[in-house]
């Protein structure tokens, strides 16, 4: 039986999460993409705490443009907040999505903002 699109993504996500974990020294940048919005958070999995978060719904991020352009703005915002919080290196968790389009735009903008991964 064929998997639905959602089930396929969740299977890939579980496979990724077996390998990618966030530590105190190198937390995890997790990306969630809905049809309209994009969310990013930096997580320390050892303590189960979200250190920094940004999303396209926030007032400082709200902007006009395509969804890909907005994802890049969210990437810049998460990088600024992370650098301010003293986080420089992270591991990237694409959340089961292809590294393509909005996810790629967010990741590249976060790199430009000063995060290393």
Protein backbone atom coordinates (compact mmCIF):
# COMPACT_ATOMS: atom_id res chain seq x y z
CA UNK A 1 0.00 0.00 0.00
CA UNK A 2 1.32 3.44 -0.91
CA UNK A 3 2.09 5.88 1.88
CA UNK A 4 0.41 9.25 1.97
CA UNK A 5 2.59 12.32 1.50
CA UNK A 6 2.38 13.09 5.24
CA UNK A 7 3.23 9.51 6.30
CA UNK A 8 6.19 9.44 3.91
CA UNK A 9 7.55 12.70 5.36
CA UNK A 10 7.12 11.44 8.93
CA UNK A 11 8.97 8.20 8.07
CA UNK A 12 11.88 10.22 6.60
CA UNK A 13 11.78 12.55 9.64
CA UNK A 14 12.11 9.63 12.08
CA UNK A 15 15.03 8.26 10.04
CA UNK A 16 16.78 11.65 10.20
CA UNK A 17 16.10 12.13 13.93
CA UNK A 18 17.85 8.82 14.74
CA UNK A 19 21.05 10.51 13.58
CA UNK A 20 20.55 14.26 14.11
CA UNK A 21 20.36 15.39 17.75
CA UNK A 22 21.02 18.70 19.41
CA UNK A 23 23.54 19.01 22.22
CA UNK A 24 24.51 21.89 24.48
CA UNK A 25 27.56 22.67 22.33
CA UNK A 26 25.77 22.11 19.01
CA UNK A 27 21.97 22.47 19.20
CA UNK A 28 19.60 21.39 16.42
CA UNK A 29 17.90 23.80 14.00
CA UNK A 30 14.51 22.23 13.29
CA UNK A 31 12.37 23.39 10.36
CA UNK A 32 8.61 22.96 9.99
CA UNK A 33 6.91 24.02 6.79
CA UNK A 34 3.15 24.40 6.46
CA UNK A 35 1.31 25.45 3.32
CA UNK A 36 1.33 29.13 4.32
CA UNK A 37 3.97 29.57 7.03
CA UNK A 38 7.47 28.36 7.94
CA UNK A 39 8.78 27.83 11.45
CA UNK A 40 12.33 27.35 12.72
CA UNK A 41 13.57 26.61 16.21
CA UNK A 42 16.92 25.84 17.76
CA UNK A 43 16.60 23.01 20.27
CA UNK A 44 18.85 21.44 22.90
CA UNK A 45 17.67 17.81 22.89
CA UNK A 46 19.67 16.88 26.01
CA UNK A 47 17.46 19.12 28.16
CA UNK A 48 14.47 19.24 25.80
CA UNK A 49 14.49 23.04 25.67
CA UNK A 50 13.85 25.37 22.74
CA UNK A 51 16.59 27.99 22.90
CA UNK A 52 15.56 30.28 20.04
CA UNK A 53 12.65 30.34 17.60
CA UNK A 54 11.43 32.34 14.62
CA UNK A 55 8.51 32.01 12.26
CA UNK A 56 6.87 33.81 9.39
CA UNK A 57 3.94 34.86 11.64
CA UNK A 58 6.07 37.13 13.86
CA UNK A 59 5.64 40.89 13.52
CA UNK A 60 9.35 41.56 12.85
CA UNK A 61 9.38 38.90 10.10
CA UNK A 62 6.01 39.71 8.47
CA UNK A 63 6.91 40.81 4.96
CA UNK A 64 5.58 40.88 1.45
CA UNK A 65 7.00 38.54 -1.14
CA UNK A 66 6.98 34.92 -2.18
CA UNK A 67 7.03 32.12 0.37
CA UNK A 68 10.66 31.42 -0.51
CA UNK A 69 11.65 35.05 0.15
CA UNK A 70 9.80 34.97 3.48
CA UNK A 71 11.63 31.71 4.39
CA UNK A 72 14.94 33.50 3.76
CA UNK A 73 13.84 36.32 6.09
CA UNK A 74 12.99 33.74 8.78
CA UNK A 75 16.45 32.18 8.30
CA UNK A 76 18.12 35.56 8.81
CA UNK A 77 15.95 36.21 11.90
CA UNK A 78 16.79 32.85 13.52
CA UNK A 79 20.50 33.42 12.84
CA UNK A 80 20.42 36.89 14.44
CA UNK A 81 18.62 35.57 17.53
CA UNK A 82 21.00 32.60 17.80
CA UNK A 83 24.14 34.73 17.55
CA UNK A 84 22.67 37.07 20.18
CA UNK A 85 22.08 34.02 22.43
CA UNK A 86 25.69 32.89 21.92
CA UNK A 87 25.02 30.01 19.51
CA UNK A 88 27.35 29.76 16.53
CA UNK A 89 27.37 26.12 15.40
CA UNK A 90 24.26 23.98 14.92
CA UNK A 91 23.09 20.80 13.25
CA UNK A 92 20.40 21.22 10.61
CA UNK A 93 17.23 19.12 10.78
CA UNK A 94 15.20 19.47 7.60
CA UNK A 95 12.27 17.68 9.22
CA UNK A 96 11.68 15.15 6.44
CA UNK A 97 11.36 17.82 3.75
CA UNK A 98 13.60 17.86 0.70
CA UNK A 99 16.52 20.29 0.94
CA UNK A 100 14.97 22.39 -1.76
CA UNK A 101 12.92 25.57 -2.16
CA UNK A 102 11.82 27.15 1.12
CA UNK A 103 13.87 24.83 3.36
CA UNK A 104 17.02 25.54 1.34
CA UNK A 105 16.33 29.30 1.35
CA UNK A 106 15.97 29.27 5.15
CA UNK A 107 19.19 27.26 5.61
CA UNK A 108 21.27 29.45 3.28
CA UNK A 109 19.98 32.64 4.93
CA UNK A 110 20.86 31.20 8.35
CA UNK A 111 24.39 30.47 7.08
CA UNK A 112 24.71 34.03 5.78
CA UNK A 113 23.48 35.28 9.17
CA UNK A 114 26.46 33.68 10.90
CA UNK A 115 25.44 30.12 11.80
CA UNK A 116 27.81 27.29 10.94
CA UNK A 117 26.47 23.88 9.89
